[in-house]
Amino acid sequence: MSARGIFLTLVGGLTLSVASGNSVAQPMERPPIEAQKETLQKEREAIAAIYAQAARQCWQRFMVNDCLHTARLQRRQALIPVEKQEQALNAAQRAWSVIQRQERLDGKQPESQAPHDLRP
């Protein structure tokens, strides 16, 4: 199986969920992958901001530890889909890198390798 076939098989099975909805991953170039990673980083920062606000509110309550535990649990729950999306993007980026490397290697090799002339 060629590198491109492996890439299509790998990426074809991945489902990426973006902010606008779910879509099946297609062979992607580096810029869309980077843009989606930036979107996920913003989601991660928003989750961190929500947790920081909840933690500040916990310190105003009598049962601080229980409140902090609940806030951490909610943060972990919110990060699960983001981490899954990041893993899918990382897999797509690795596959893309493999294809790029294979194409560079194919470009370095001559198209037709004639066998050496071995005359007796």
PDB file of N, CA and C in Angstrom:
ATOM      1  N   MET A   1       0.860  -1.172   0.000  1.00  0.00           N
ATOM      2  CA  MET A   1       0.000   0.000   0.000  1.00  0.00           C
ATOM      3  C   MET A   1       0.904   1.230   0.000  1.00  0.00           C
ATOM      4  N   SER A   2       0.560   2.225  -0.811  1.00  0.00           N
ATOM      5  CA  SER A   2       1.367   3.430  -0.903  1.00  0.00           C
ATOM      6  C   SER A   2       1.161   4.306   0.330  1.00  0.00           C
ATOM      7  N   ALA A   3       2.053   5.279   0.482  1.00  0.00           N
ATOM      8  CA  ALA A   3       1.951   6.190   1.627  1.00  0.00           C
ATOM      9  C   ALA A   3       0.641   6.973   1.567  1.00  0.00           C
ATOM     10  N   ARG A   4       0.230   7.355   0.358  1.00  0.00           N
ATOM     11  CA  ARG A   4      -1.018   8.101   0.215  1.00  0.00           C
ATOM     12  C   ARG A   4      -2.205   7.226   0.609  1.00  0.00           C
ATOM     13  N   GLY A   5      -2.161   5.942   0.256  1.00  0.00           N
ATOM     14  CA  GLY A   5      -3.232   5.024   0.630  1.00  0.00           C
ATOM     15  C   GLY A   5      -3.316   4.846   2.131  1.00  0.00           C
ATOM     16  N   ILE A   6      -2.159   4.748   2.776  1.00  0.00           N
ATOM     17  CA  ILE A   6      -2.132   4.629   4.236  1.00  0.00           C
ATOM     18  C   ILE A   6      -2.722   5.883   4.872  1.00  0.00           C
ATOM     19  N   PHE A   7      -2.349   7.036   4.327  1.00  0.00           N
ATOM     20  CA  PHE A   7      -2.853   8.301   4.856  1.00  0.00           C
ATOM     21  C   PHE A   7      -4.370   8.369   4.729  1.00  0.00           C
ATOM     22  N   LEU A   8      -4.878   8.027   3.539  1.00  0.00           N
ATOM     23  CA  LEU A   8      -6.325   8.097   3.334  1.00  0.00           C
ATOM     24  C   LEU A   8      -7.058   7.116   4.231  1.00  0.00           C
ATOM     25  N   THR A   9      -6.472   5.942   4.449  1.00  0.00           N
ATOM     26  CA  THR A   9      -7.082   4.970   5.341  1.00  0.00           C
ATOM     27  C   THR A   9      -7.101   5.490   6.771  1.00  0.00           C
ATOM     28  N   LEU A  10      -5.980   6.064   7.205  1.00  0.00           N
ATOM     29  CA  LEU A  10      -5.875   6.571   8.569  1.00  0.00           C
ATOM     30  C   LEU A  10      -6.809   7.744   8.791  1.00  0.00           C
ATOM     31  N   VAL A  11      -6.747   8.724   7.906  1.00  0.00           N
ATOM     32  CA  VAL A  11      -7.531   9.938   8.087  1.00  0.00           C
ATOM     33  C   VAL A  11      -9.009   9.678   7.789  1.00  0.00           C
ATOM     34  N   GLY A  12      -9.292   8.766   6.877  1.00  0.00           N
ATOM     35  CA  GLY A  12     -10.684   8.463   6.548  1.00  0.00           C
ATOM     36  C   GLY A  12     -11.455   7.935   7.736  1.00  0.00           C
ATOM     37  N   GLY A  13     -10.778   7.242   8.651  1.00  0.00           N
ATOM     38  CA  GLY A  13     -11.453   6.683   9.813  1.00  0.00           C
ATOM     39  C   GLY A  13     -11.612   7.663  10.955  1.00  0.00           C
ATOM     40  N   LEU A  14     -10.940   8.777  10.887  1.00  0.00           N
ATOM     41  CA  LEU A  14     -10.997   9.744  11.979  1.00  0.00           C
ATOM     42  C   LEU A  14     -12.171  10.693  11.788  1.00  0.00           C
ATOM     43  N   THR A  15     -12.825  11.006  12.863  1.00  0.00           N
ATOM     44  CA  THR A  15     -13.903  11.984  12.819  1.00  0.00           C
ATOM     45  C   THR A  15     -13.493  13.154  13.689  1.00  0.00           C
ATOM     46  N   LEU A  16     -13.480  14.328  13.075  1.00  0.00           N
ATOM     47  CA  LEU A  16     -13.115  15.528  13.812  1.00  0.00           C
ATOM     48  C   LEU A  16     -14.371  16.344  14.074  1.00  0.00           C
ATOM     49  N   SER A  17     -14.510  16.796  15.273  1.00  0.00           N
ATOM     50  CA  SER A  17     -15.663  17.603  15.633  1.00  0.00           C
ATOM     51  C   SER A  17     -15.186  19.036  15.805  1.00  0.00           C
ATOM     52  N   VAL A  18     -15.620  19.897  14.921  1.00  0.00           N
ATOM     53  CA  VAL A  18     -15.242  21.298  15.015  1.00  0.00           C
ATOM     54  C   VAL A  18     -16.387  22.076  15.624  1.00  0.00           C
ATOM     55  N   ALA A  19     -16.156  23.314  15.909  1.00  0.00           N
ATOM     56  CA  ALA A  19     -17.158  24.117  16.607  1.00  0.00           C
ATOM     57  C   ALA A  19     -18.481  24.192  15.848  1.00  0.00           C
ATOM     58  N   SER A  20     -18.439  24.152  14.524  1.00  0.00           N
ATOM     59  CA  SER A  20     -19.680  24.272  13.762  1.00  0.00           C
ATOM     60  C   SER A  20     -20.430  22.962  13.628  1.00  0.00           C
ATOM     61  N   GLY A  21     -19.810  21.849  13.970  1.00  0.00           N
ATOM     62  CA  GLY A  21     -20.484  20.562  13.869  1.00  0.00           C
ATOM     63  C   GLY A  21     -19.487  19.467  13.576  1.00  0.00           C
ATOM     64  N   ASN A  22     -19.990  18.267  13.335  1.00  0.00           N
ATOM     65  CA  ASN A  22     -19.124  17.132  13.057  1.00  0.00           C
ATOM     66  C   ASN A  22     -18.886  17.029  11.563  1.00  0.00           C
ATOM     67  N   SER A  23     -17.670  16.644  11.215  1.00  0.00           N
ATOM     68  CA  SER A  23     -17.347  16.397   9.818  1.00  0.00           C
ATOM     69  C   SER A  23     -16.312  15.290   9.759  1.00  0.00           C
ATOM     70  N   VAL A  24     -16.367  14.494   8.692  1.00  0.00           N
ATOM     71  CA  VAL A  24     -15.393  13.427   8.523  1.00  0.00           C
ATOM     72  C   VAL A  24     -14.114  14.055   8.006  1.00  0.00           C
ATOM     73  N   ALA A  25     -12.988  13.654   8.569  1.00  0.00           N
ATOM     74  CA  ALA A  25     -11.703  14.218   8.189  1.00  0.00           C
ATOM     75  C   ALA A  25     -11.353  13.812   6.770  1.00  0.00           C
ATOM     76  N   GLN A  26     -10.906  14.745   5.995  1.00  0.00           N
ATOM     77  CA  GLN A  26     -10.430  14.513   4.645  1.00  0.00           C
ATOM     78  C   GLN A  26      -8.918  14.723   4.651  1.00  0.00           C
ATOM     79  N   PRO A  27      -8.226  14.277   3.612  1.00  0.00           N
ATOM     80  CA  PRO A  27      -6.796  14.546   3.558  1.00  0.00           C
ATOM     81  C   PRO A  27      -6.570  16.043   3.702  1.00  0.00           C
ATOM     82  N   MET A  28      -5.771  16.413   4.673  1.00  0.00           N
ATOM     83  CA  MET A  28      -5.618  17.826   4.973  1.00  0.00           C
ATOM     84  C   MET A  28      -4.176  18.252   4.769  1.00  0.00           C
ATOM     85  N   GLU A  29      -4.005  19.474   4.404  1.00  0.00           N
ATOM     86  CA  GLU A  29      -2.687  20.073   4.324  1.00  0.00           C
ATOM     87  C   GLU A  29      -2.386  20.707   5.672  1.00  0.00           C
ATOM     88  N   ARG A  30      -1.175  21.136   5.855  1.00  0.00           N
ATOM     89  CA  ARG A  30      -0.748  21.686   7.134  1.00  0.00           C
ATOM     90  C   ARG A  30      -1.570  22.907   7.581  1.00  0.00           C
ATOM     91  N   PRO A  31      -1.883  23.908   6.727  1.00  0.00           N
ATOM     92  CA  PRO A  31      -2.617  25.079   7.225  1.00  0.00           C
ATOM     93  C   PRO A  31      -3.951  24.760   7.883  1.00  0.00           C
ATOM     94  N   PRO A  32      -4.824  23.919   7.316  1.00  0.00           N
ATOM     95  CA  PRO A  32      -6.078  23.632   8.026  1.00  0.00           C
ATOM     96  C   PRO A  32      -5.843  22.923   9.360  1.00  0.00           C
ATOM     97  N   ILE A  33      -4.842  22.065   9.416  1.00  0.00           N
ATOM     98  CA  ILE A  33      -4.543  21.383  10.668  1.00  0.00           C
ATOM     99  C   ILE A  33      -4.128  22.405  11.719  1.00  0.00           C
ATOM    100  N   GLU A  34      -3.271  23.331  11.327  1.00  0.00           N
ATOM    101  CA  GLU A  34      -2.815  24.355  12.277  1.00  0.00           C
ATOM    102  C   GLU A  34      -3.979  25.240  12.717  1.00  0.00           C
ATOM    103  N   ALA A  35      -4.869  25.581  11.806  1.00  0.00           N
ATOM    104  CA  ALA A  35      -6.017  26.422  12.158  1.00  0.00           C
ATOM    105  C   ALA A  35      -6.932  25.699  13.147  1.00  0.00           C
ATOM    106  N   GLN A  36      -7.144  24.399  12.941  1.00  0.00           N
ATOM    107  CA  GLN A  36      -7.986  23.641  13.863  1.00  0.00           C
ATOM    108  C   GLN A  36      -7.303  23.499  15.216  1.00  0.00           C
ATOM    109  N   LYS A  37      -5.970  23.358  15.218  1.00  0.00           N
ATOM    110  CA  LYS A  37      -5.259  23.293  16.491  1.00  0.00           C
ATOM    111  C   LYS A  37      -5.393  24.600  17.259  1.00  0.00           C
ATOM    112  N   GLU A  38      -5.356  25.719  16.549  1.00  0.00           N
ATOM    113  CA  GLU A  38      -5.534  27.018  17.209  1.00  0.00           C
ATOM    114  C   GLU A  38      -6.940  27.124  17.808  1.00  0.00           C
ATOM    115  N   THR A  39      -7.941  26.635  17.084  1.00  0.00           N
ATOM    116  CA  THR A  39      -9.316  26.644  17.587  1.00  0.00           C
ATOM    117  C   THR A  39      -9.424  25.807  18.855  1.00  0.00           C
ATOM    118  N   LEU A  40      -8.795  24.631  18.842  1.00  0.00           N
ATOM    119  CA  LEU A  40      -8.825  23.771  20.027  1.00  0.00           C
ATOM    120  C   LEU A  40      -8.088  24.411  21.196  1.00  0.00           C
ATOM    121  N   GLN A  41      -6.999  25.125  20.902  1.00  0.00           N
ATOM    122  CA  GLN A  41      -6.262  25.813  21.968  1.00  0.00           C
ATOM    123  C   GLN A  41      -7.135  26.903  22.596  1.00  0.00           C
ATOM    124  N   LYS A  42      -7.908  27.595  21.772  1.00  0.00           N
ATOM    125  CA  LYS A  42      -8.821  28.619  22.310  1.00  0.00           C
ATOM    126  C   LYS A  42      -9.898  27.980  23.178  1.00  0.00           C
ATOM    127  N   GLU A  43     -10.407  26.820  22.755  1.00  0.00           N
ATOM    128  CA  GLU A  43     -11.392  26.103  23.578  1.00  0.00           C
ATOM    129  C   GLU A  43     -10.775  25.702  24.910  1.00  0.00           C
ATOM    130  N   ARG A  44      -9.537  25.229  24.854  1.00  0.00           N
ATOM    131  CA  ARG A  44      -8.818  24.822  26.068  1.00  0.00           C
ATOM    132  C   ARG A  44      -8.645  26.015  27.012  1.00  0.00           C
ATOM    133  N   GLU A  45      -8.301  27.179  26.449  1.00  0.00           N
ATOM    134  CA  GLU A  45      -8.142  28.384  27.263  1.00  0.00           C
ATOM    135  C   GLU A  45      -9.468  28.821  27.877  1.00  0.00           C
ATOM    136  N   ALA A  46     -10.556  28.671  27.128  1.00  0.00           N
ATOM    137  CA  ALA A  46     -11.878  29.035  27.661  1.00  0.00           C
ATOM    138  C   ALA A  46     -12.247  28.121  28.825  1.00  0.00           C
ATOM    139  N   ILE A  47     -11.954  26.836  28.683  1.00  0.00           N
ATOM    140  CA  ILE A  47     -12.233  25.887  29.764  1.00  0.00           C
ATOM    141  C   ILE A  47     -11.394  26.230  30.994  1.00  0.00           C
ATOM    142  N   ALA A  48     -10.144  26.609  30.773  1.00  0.00           N
ATOM    143  CA  ALA A  48      -9.266  26.988  31.891  1.00  0.00           C
ATOM    144  C   ALA A  48      -9.794  28.247  32.589  1.00  0.00           C
ATOM    145  N   ALA A  49     -10.311  29.196  31.821  1.00  0.00           N
ATOM    146  CA  ALA A  49     -10.853  30.424  32.409  1.00  0.00           C
ATOM    147  C   ALA A  49     -12.097  30.115  33.246  1.00  0.00           C
ATOM    148  N   ILE A  50     -12.949  29.223  32.739  1.00  0.00           N
ATOM    149  CA  ILE A  50     -14.142  28.837  33.498  1.00  0.00           C
ATOM    150  C   ILE A  50     -13.737  28.158  34.806  1.00  0.00           C
ATOM    151  N   TYR A  51     -12.724  27.284  34.728  1.00  0.00           N
ATOM    152  CA  TYR A  51     -12.253  26.608  35.943  1.00  0.00           C
ATOM    153  C   TYR A  51     -11.684  27.618  36.946  1.00  0.00           C
ATOM    154  N   ALA A  52     -10.897  28.579  36.455  1.00  0.00           N
ATOM    155  CA  ALA A  52     -10.308  29.580  37.354  1.00  0.00           C
ATOM    156  C   ALA A  52     -11.395  30.384  38.059  1.00  0.00           C
ATOM    157  N   GLN A  53     -12.440  30.729  37.328  1.00  0.00           N
ATOM    158  CA  GLN A  53     -13.540  31.474  37.939  1.00  0.00           C
ATOM    159  C   GLN A  53     -14.263  30.611  38.979  1.00  0.00           C
ATOM    160  N   ALA A  54     -14.493  29.345  38.655  1.00  0.00           N
ATOM    161  CA  ALA A  54     -15.167  28.449  39.604  1.00  0.00           C
ATOM    162  C   ALA A  54     -14.309  28.248  40.852  1.00  0.00           C
ATOM    163  N   ALA A  55     -12.987  28.131  40.664  1.00  0.00           N
ATOM    164  CA  ALA A  55     -12.093  27.943  41.810  1.00  0.00           C
ATOM    165  C   ALA A  55     -12.114  29.176  42.712  1.00  0.00           C
ATOM    166  N   ARG A  56     -12.146  30.372  42.115  1.00  0.00           N
ATOM    167  CA  ARG A  56     -12.236  31.594  42.925  1.00  0.00           C
ATOM    168  C   ARG A  56     -13.529  31.620  43.734  1.00  0.00           C
ATOM    169  N   GLN A  57     -14.615  31.189  43.114  1.00  0.00           N
ATOM    170  CA  GLN A  57     -15.895  31.168  43.818  1.00  0.00           C
ATOM    171  C   GLN A  57     -15.886  30.133  44.940  1.00  0.00           C
ATOM    172  N   CYS A  58     -15.134  29.051  44.746  1.00  0.00           N
ATOM    173  CA  CYS A  58     -15.066  28.007  45.777  1.00  0.00           C
ATOM    174  C   CYS A  58     -14.470  28.546  47.073  1.00  0.00           C
ATOM    175  N   TRP A  59     -13.535  29.464  46.959  1.00  0.00           N
ATOM    176  CA  TRP A  59     -12.876  29.983  48.159  1.00  0.00           C
ATOM    177  C   TRP A  59     -13.809  30.858  48.986  1.00  0.00           C
ATOM    178  N   GLN A  60     -14.964  31.196  48.429  1.00  0.00           N
ATOM    179  CA  GLN A  60     -15.948  31.981  49.168  1.00  0.00           C
ATOM    180  C   GLN A  60     -16.926  31.086  49.938  1.00  0.00           C
ATOM    181  N   ARG A  61     -16.823  29.785  49.747  1.00  0.00           N
ATOM    182  CA  ARG A  61     -17.750  28.846  50.374  1.00  0.00           C
ATOM    183  C   ARG A  61     -17.122  28.191  51.594  1.00  0.00           C
ATOM    184  N   PHE A  62     -17.965  27.551  52.361  1.00  0.00           N
ATOM    185  CA  PHE A  62     -17.497  26.879  53.576  1.00  0.00           C
ATOM    186  C   PHE A  62     -16.754  25.582  53.230  1.00  0.00           C
ATOM    187  N   MET A  63     -17.290  24.790  52.290  1.00  0.00           N
ATOM    188  CA  MET A  63     -16.686  23.501  51.923  1.00  0.00           C
ATOM    189  C   MET A  63     -15.826  23.689  50.671  1.00  0.00           C
ATOM    190  N   VAL A  64     -14.643  24.270  50.872  1.00  0.00           N
ATOM    191  CA  VAL A  64     -13.769  24.634  49.765  1.00  0.00           C
ATOM    192  C   VAL A  64     -13.292  23.397  49.000  1.00  0.00           C
ATOM    193  N   ASN A  65     -12.805  22.400  49.714  1.00  0.00           N
ATOM    194  CA  ASN A  65     -12.225  21.233  49.039  1.00  0.00           C
ATOM    195  C   ASN A  65     -13.241  20.491  48.179  1.00  0.00           C
ATOM    196  N   ASP A  66     -14.441  20.332  48.680  1.00  0.00           N
ATOM    197  CA  ASP A  66     -15.470  19.658  47.900  1.00  0.00           C
ATOM    198  C   ASP A  66     -15.804  20.457  46.641  1.00  0.00           C
ATOM    199  N   CYS A  67     -15.881  21.752  46.785  1.00  0.00           N
ATOM    200  CA  CYS A  67     -16.184  22.620  45.648  1.00  0.00           C
ATOM    201  C   CYS A  67     -15.054  22.565  44.610  1.00  0.00           C
ATOM    202  N   LEU A  68     -13.797  22.610  45.078  1.00  0.00           N
ATOM    203  CA  LEU A  68     -12.654  22.530  44.160  1.00  0.00           C
ATOM    204  C   LEU A  68     -12.625  21.183  43.445  1.00  0.00           C
ATOM    205  N   HIS A  69     -12.951  20.128  44.171  1.00  0.00           N
ATOM    206  CA  HIS A  69     -12.993  18.803  43.568  1.00  0.00           C
ATOM    207  C   HIS A  69     -14.028  18.755  42.437  1.00  0.00           C
ATOM    208  N   THR A  70     -15.184  19.323  42.692  1.00  0.00           N
ATOM    209  CA  THR A  70     -16.247  19.365  41.677  1.00  0.00           C
ATOM    210  C   THR A  70     -15.813  20.199  40.470  1.00  0.00           C
ATOM    211  N   ALA A  71     -15.158  21.327  40.729  1.00  0.00           N
ATOM    212  CA  ALA A  71     -14.697  22.188  39.634  1.00  0.00           C
ATOM    213  C   ALA A  71     -13.650  21.468  38.783  1.00  0.00           C
ATOM    214  N   ARG A  72     -12.720  20.745  39.432  1.00  0.00           N
ATOM    215  CA  ARG A  72     -11.710  19.977  38.682  1.00  0.00           C
ATOM    216  C   ARG A  72     -12.357  18.878  37.852  1.00  0.00           C
ATOM    217  N   LEU A  73     -13.344  18.212  38.428  1.00  0.00           N
ATOM    218  CA  LEU A  73     -14.053  17.153  37.718  1.00  0.00           C
ATOM    219  C   LEU A  73     -14.759  17.717  36.474  1.00  0.00           C
ATOM    220  N   GLN A  74     -15.402  18.862  36.620  1.00  0.00           N
ATOM    221  CA  GLN A  74     -16.065  19.495  35.478  1.00  0.00           C
ATOM    222  C   GLN A  74     -15.054  19.899  34.415  1.00  0.00           C
ATOM    223  N   ARG A  75     -13.882  20.382  34.840  1.00  0.00           N
ATOM    224  CA  ARG A  75     -12.837  20.761  33.884  1.00  0.00           C
ATOM    225  C   ARG A  75     -12.360  19.541  33.110  1.00  0.00           C
ATOM    226  N   ARG A  76     -12.116  18.436  33.825  1.00  0.00           N
ATOM    227  CA  ARG A  76     -11.670  17.207  33.150  1.00  0.00           C
ATOM    228  C   ARG A  76     -12.709  16.714  32.154  1.00  0.00           C
ATOM    229  N   GLN A  77     -13.981  16.767  32.545  1.00  0.00           N
ATOM    230  CA  GLN A  77     -15.060  16.328  31.656  1.00  0.00           C
ATOM    231  C   GLN A  77     -15.110  17.195  30.391  1.00  0.00           C
ATOM    232  N   ALA A  78     -14.904  18.495  30.559  1.00  0.00           N
ATOM    233  CA  ALA A  78     -14.949  19.410  29.422  1.00  0.00           C
ATOM    234  C   ALA A  78     -13.749  19.232  28.499  1.00  0.00           C
ATOM    235  N   LEU A  79     -12.617  18.795  29.042  1.00  0.00           N
ATOM    236  CA  LEU A  79     -11.401  18.640  28.234  1.00  0.00           C
ATOM    237  C   LEU A  79     -11.368  17.335  27.432  1.00  0.00           C
ATOM    238  N   ILE A  80     -12.190  16.365  27.789  1.00  0.00           N
ATOM    239  CA  ILE A  80     -12.161  15.066  27.101  1.00  0.00           C
ATOM    240  C   ILE A  80     -12.386  15.205  25.594  1.00  0.00           C
ATOM    241  N   PRO A  81     -13.443  15.886  25.133  1.00  0.00           N
ATOM    242  CA  PRO A  81     -13.623  15.985  23.674  1.00  0.00           C
ATOM    243  C   PRO A  81     -12.507  16.781  22.991  1.00  0.00           C
ATOM    244  N   VAL A  82     -11.989  17.795  23.677  1.00  0.00           N
ATOM    245  CA  VAL A  82     -10.900  18.596  23.108  1.00  0.00           C
ATOM    246  C   VAL A  82      -9.662  17.724  22.923  1.00  0.00           C
ATOM    247  N   GLU A  83      -9.347  16.901  23.917  1.00  0.00           N
ATOM    248  CA  GLU A  83      -8.180  16.022  23.818  1.00  0.00           C
ATOM    249  C   GLU A  83      -8.346  14.987  22.715  1.00  0.00           C
ATOM    250  N   LYS A  84      -9.553  14.463  22.536  1.00  0.00           N
ATOM    251  CA  LYS A  84      -9.803  13.503  21.461  1.00  0.00           C
ATOM    252  C   LYS A  84      -9.600  14.159  20.101  1.00  0.00           C
ATOM    253  N   GLN A  85     -10.077  15.382  19.959  1.00  0.00           N
ATOM    254  CA  GLN A  85      -9.895  16.101  18.694  1.00  0.00           C
ATOM    255  C   GLN A  85      -8.413  16.374  18.443  1.00  0.00           C
ATOM    256  N   GLU A  86      -7.682  16.750  19.494  1.00  0.00           N
ATOM    257  CA  GLU A  86      -6.249  16.996  19.339  1.00  0.00           C
ATOM    258  C   GLU A  86      -5.510  15.726  18.929  1.00  0.00           C
ATOM    259  N   GLN A  87      -5.891  14.597  19.498  1.00  0.00           N
ATOM    260  CA  GLN A  87      -5.268  13.334  19.121  1.00  0.00           C
ATOM    261  C   GLN A  87      -5.533  13.015  17.652  1.00  0.00           C
ATOM    262  N   ALA A  88      -6.752  13.258  17.197  1.00  0.00           N
ATOM    263  CA  ALA A  88      -7.078  13.014  15.792  1.00  0.00           C
ATOM    264  C   ALA A  88      -6.285  13.941  14.875  1.00  0.00           C
ATOM    265  N   LEU A  89      -6.163  15.207  15.270  1.00  0.00           N
ATOM    266  CA  LEU A  89      -5.382  16.151  14.470  1.00  0.00           C
ATOM    267  C   LEU A  89      -3.909  15.769  14.450  1.00  0.00           C
ATOM    268  N   ASN A  90      -3.386  15.339  15.588  1.00  0.00           N
ATOM    269  CA  ASN A  90      -1.983  14.919  15.633  1.00  0.00           C
ATOM    270  C   ASN A  90      -1.741  13.711  14.733  1.00  0.00           C
ATOM    271  N   ALA A  91      -2.680  12.767  14.724  1.00  0.00           N
ATOM    272  CA  ALA A  91      -2.556  11.595  13.850  1.00  0.00           C
ATOM    273  C   ALA A  91      -2.597  12.018  12.388  1.00  0.00           C
ATOM    274  N   ALA A  92      -3.483  12.942  12.046  1.00  0.00           N
ATOM    275  CA  ALA A  92      -3.564  13.423  10.666  1.00  0.00           C
ATOM    276  C   ALA A  92      -2.289  14.159  10.281  1.00  0.00           C
ATOM    277  N   GLN A  93      -1.736  14.926  11.206  1.00  0.00           N
ATOM    278  CA  GLN A  93      -0.508  15.668  10.923  1.00  0.00           C
ATOM    279  C   GLN A  93       0.676  14.709  10.749  1.00  0.00           C
ATOM    280  N   ARG A  94       0.740  13.666  11.569  1.00  0.00           N
ATOM    281  CA  ARG A  94       1.808  12.670  11.404  1.00  0.00           C
ATOM    282  C   ARG A  94       1.687  11.968  10.063  1.00  0.00           C
ATOM    283  N   ALA A  95       0.471  11.599   9.693  1.00  0.00           N
ATOM    284  CA  ALA A  95       0.261  10.935   8.410  1.00  0.00           C
ATOM    285  C   ALA A  95       0.632  11.864   7.259  1.00  0.00           C
ATOM    286  N   TRP A  96       0.287  13.127   7.375  1.00  0.00           N
ATOM    287  CA  TRP A  96       0.630  14.101   6.350  1.00  0.00           C
ATOM    288  C   TRP A  96       2.141  14.222   6.228  1.00  0.00           C
ATOM    289  N   SER A  97       2.844  14.231   7.353  1.00  0.00           N
ATOM    290  CA  SER A  97       4.304  14.316   7.340  1.00  0.00           C
ATOM    291  C   SER A  97       4.921  13.099   6.666  1.00  0.00           C
ATOM    292  N   VAL A  98       4.347  11.921   6.912  1.00  0.00           N
ATOM    293  CA  VAL A  98       4.848  10.702   6.281  1.00  0.00           C
ATOM    294  C   VAL A  98       4.694  10.796   4.767  1.00  0.00           C
ATOM    295  N   ILE A  99       3.552  11.290   4.312  1.00  0.00           N
ATOM    296  CA  ILE A  99       3.334  11.436   2.867  1.00  0.00           C
ATOM    297  C   ILE A  99       4.322  12.429   2.276  1.00  0.00           C
ATOM    298  N   GLN A 100       4.509  13.557   2.952  1.00  0.00           N
ATOM    299  CA  GLN A 100       5.449  14.560   2.447  1.00  0.00           C
ATOM    300  C   GLN A 100       6.859  13.990   2.374  1.00  0.00           C
ATOM    301  N   ARG A 101       7.274  13.253   3.381  1.00  0.00           N
ATOM    302  CA  ARG A 101       8.603  12.658   3.391  1.00  0.00           C
ATOM    303  C   ARG A 101       8.736  11.640   2.266  1.00  0.00           C
ATOM    304  N   GLN A 102       7.689  10.820   2.075  1.00  0.00           N
ATOM    305  CA  GLN A 102       7.734   9.817   1.016  1.00  0.00           C
ATOM    306  C   GLN A 102       7.797  10.474  -0.357  1.00  0.00           C
ATOM    307  N   GLU A 103       7.063  11.561  -0.549  1.00  0.00           N
ATOM    308  CA  GLU A 103       7.101  12.271  -1.828  1.00  0.00           C
ATOM    309  C   GLU A 103       8.475  12.881  -2.069  1.00  0.00           C
ATOM    310  N   ARG A 104       9.117  13.393  -1.020  1.00  0.00           N
ATOM    311  CA  ARG A 104      10.474  13.917  -1.179  1.00  0.00           C
ATOM    312  C   ARG A 104      11.435  12.807  -1.565  1.00  0.00           C
ATOM    313  N   LEU A 105      11.292  11.651  -0.909  1.00  0.00           N
ATOM    314  CA  LEU A 105      12.175  10.525  -1.227  1.00  0.00           C
ATOM    315  C   LEU A 105      11.928  10.016  -2.648  1.00  0.00           C
ATOM    316  N   ASP A 106      10.659   9.957  -3.058  1.00  0.00           N
ATOM    317  CA  ASP A 106      10.350   9.521  -4.418  1.00  0.00           C
ATOM    318  C   ASP A 106      10.921  10.489  -5.446  1.00  0.00           C
ATOM    319  N   GLY A 107      10.937  11.775  -5.130  1.00  0.00           N
ATOM    320  CA  GLY A 107      11.483  12.779  -6.032  1.00  0.00           C
ATOM    321  C   GLY A 107      12.992  12.681  -6.165  1.00  0.00           C
ATOM    322  N   LYS A 108      13.670  12.157  -5.169  1.00  0.00           N
ATOM    323  CA  LYS A 108      15.128  12.034  -5.213  1.00  0.00           C
ATOM    324  C   LYS A 108      15.585  10.828  -6.024  1.00  0.00           C
ATOM    325  N   GLN A 109      14.754   9.815  -6.125  1.00  0.00           N
ATOM    326  CA  GLN A 109      15.140   8.613  -6.836  1.00  0.00           C
ATOM    327  C   GLN A 109      14.838   8.777  -8.322  1.00  0.00           C
ATOM    328  N   PRO A 110      15.716   8.257  -9.188  1.00  0.00           N
ATOM    329  CA  PRO A 110      15.432   8.328 -10.621  1.00  0.00           C
ATOM    330  C   PRO A 110      14.189   7.513 -10.944  1.00  0.00           C
ATOM    331  N   GLU A 111      13.456   7.950 -11.963  1.00  0.00           N
ATOM    332  CA  GLU A 111      12.183   7.301 -12.273  1.00  0.00           C
ATOM    333  C   GLU A 111      12.357   5.873 -12.756  1.00  0.00           C
ATOM    334  N   SER A 112      13.335   5.638 -13.590  1.00  0.00           N
ATOM    335  CA  SER A 112      13.561   4.266 -14.055  1.00  0.00           C
ATOM    336  C   SER A 112      14.998   3.895 -13.732  1.00  0.00           C
ATOM    337  N   GLN A 113      15.138   2.920 -12.923  1.00  0.00           N
ATOM    338  CA  GLN A 113      16.469   2.459 -12.562  1.00  0.00           C
ATOM    339  C   GLN A 113      16.823   1.294 -13.470  1.00  0.00           C
ATOM    340  N   ALA A 114      17.716   1.567 -14.405  1.00  0.00           N
ATOM    341  CA  ALA A 114      18.156   0.515 -15.319  1.00  0.00           C
ATOM    342  C   ALA A 114      19.157  -0.360 -14.595  1.00  0.00           C
ATOM    343  N   PRO A 115      19.063  -1.667 -14.791  1.00  0.00           N
ATOM    344  CA  PRO A 115      20.047  -2.536 -14.161  1.00  0.00           C
ATOM    345  C   PRO A 115      21.422  -2.260 -14.738  1.00  0.00           C
ATOM    346  N   HIS A 116      22.419  -2.447 -13.926  1.00  0.00           N
ATOM    347  CA  HIS A 116      23.783  -2.225 -14.368  1.00  0.00           C
ATOM    348  C   HIS A 116      24.129  -3.202 -15.481  1.00  0.00           C
ATOM    349  N   ASP A 117      24.909  -2.737 -16.419  1.00  0.00           N
ATOM    350  CA  ASP A 117      25.317  -3.576 -17.549  1.00  0.00           C
ATOM    351  C   ASP A 117      26.415  -4.504 -17.083  1.00  0.00           C
ATOM    352  N   LEU A 118      26.081  -5.738 -16.925  1.00  0.00           N
ATOM    353  CA  LEU A 118      27.047  -6.735 -16.473  1.00  0.00           C
ATOM    354  C   LEU A 118      27.416  -7.642 -17.635  1.00  0.00           C
ATOM    355  N   ARG A 119      28.413  -7.224 -18.374  1.00  0.00           N
ATOM    356  CA  ARG A 119      28.863  -8.045 -19.514  1.00  0.00           C
ATOM    357  C   ARG A 119      29.994  -8.931 -19.066  1.00  0.00           C
ATOM    358  N   PRO A 120      29.977 -10.177 -19.518  1.00  0.00           N
ATOM    359  CA  PRO A 120      31.058 -11.081 -19.117  1.00  0.00           C
ATOM    360  C   PRO A 120      32.349 -10.786 -19.823  1.00  0.00           C
TER     361      PRO A 120
END
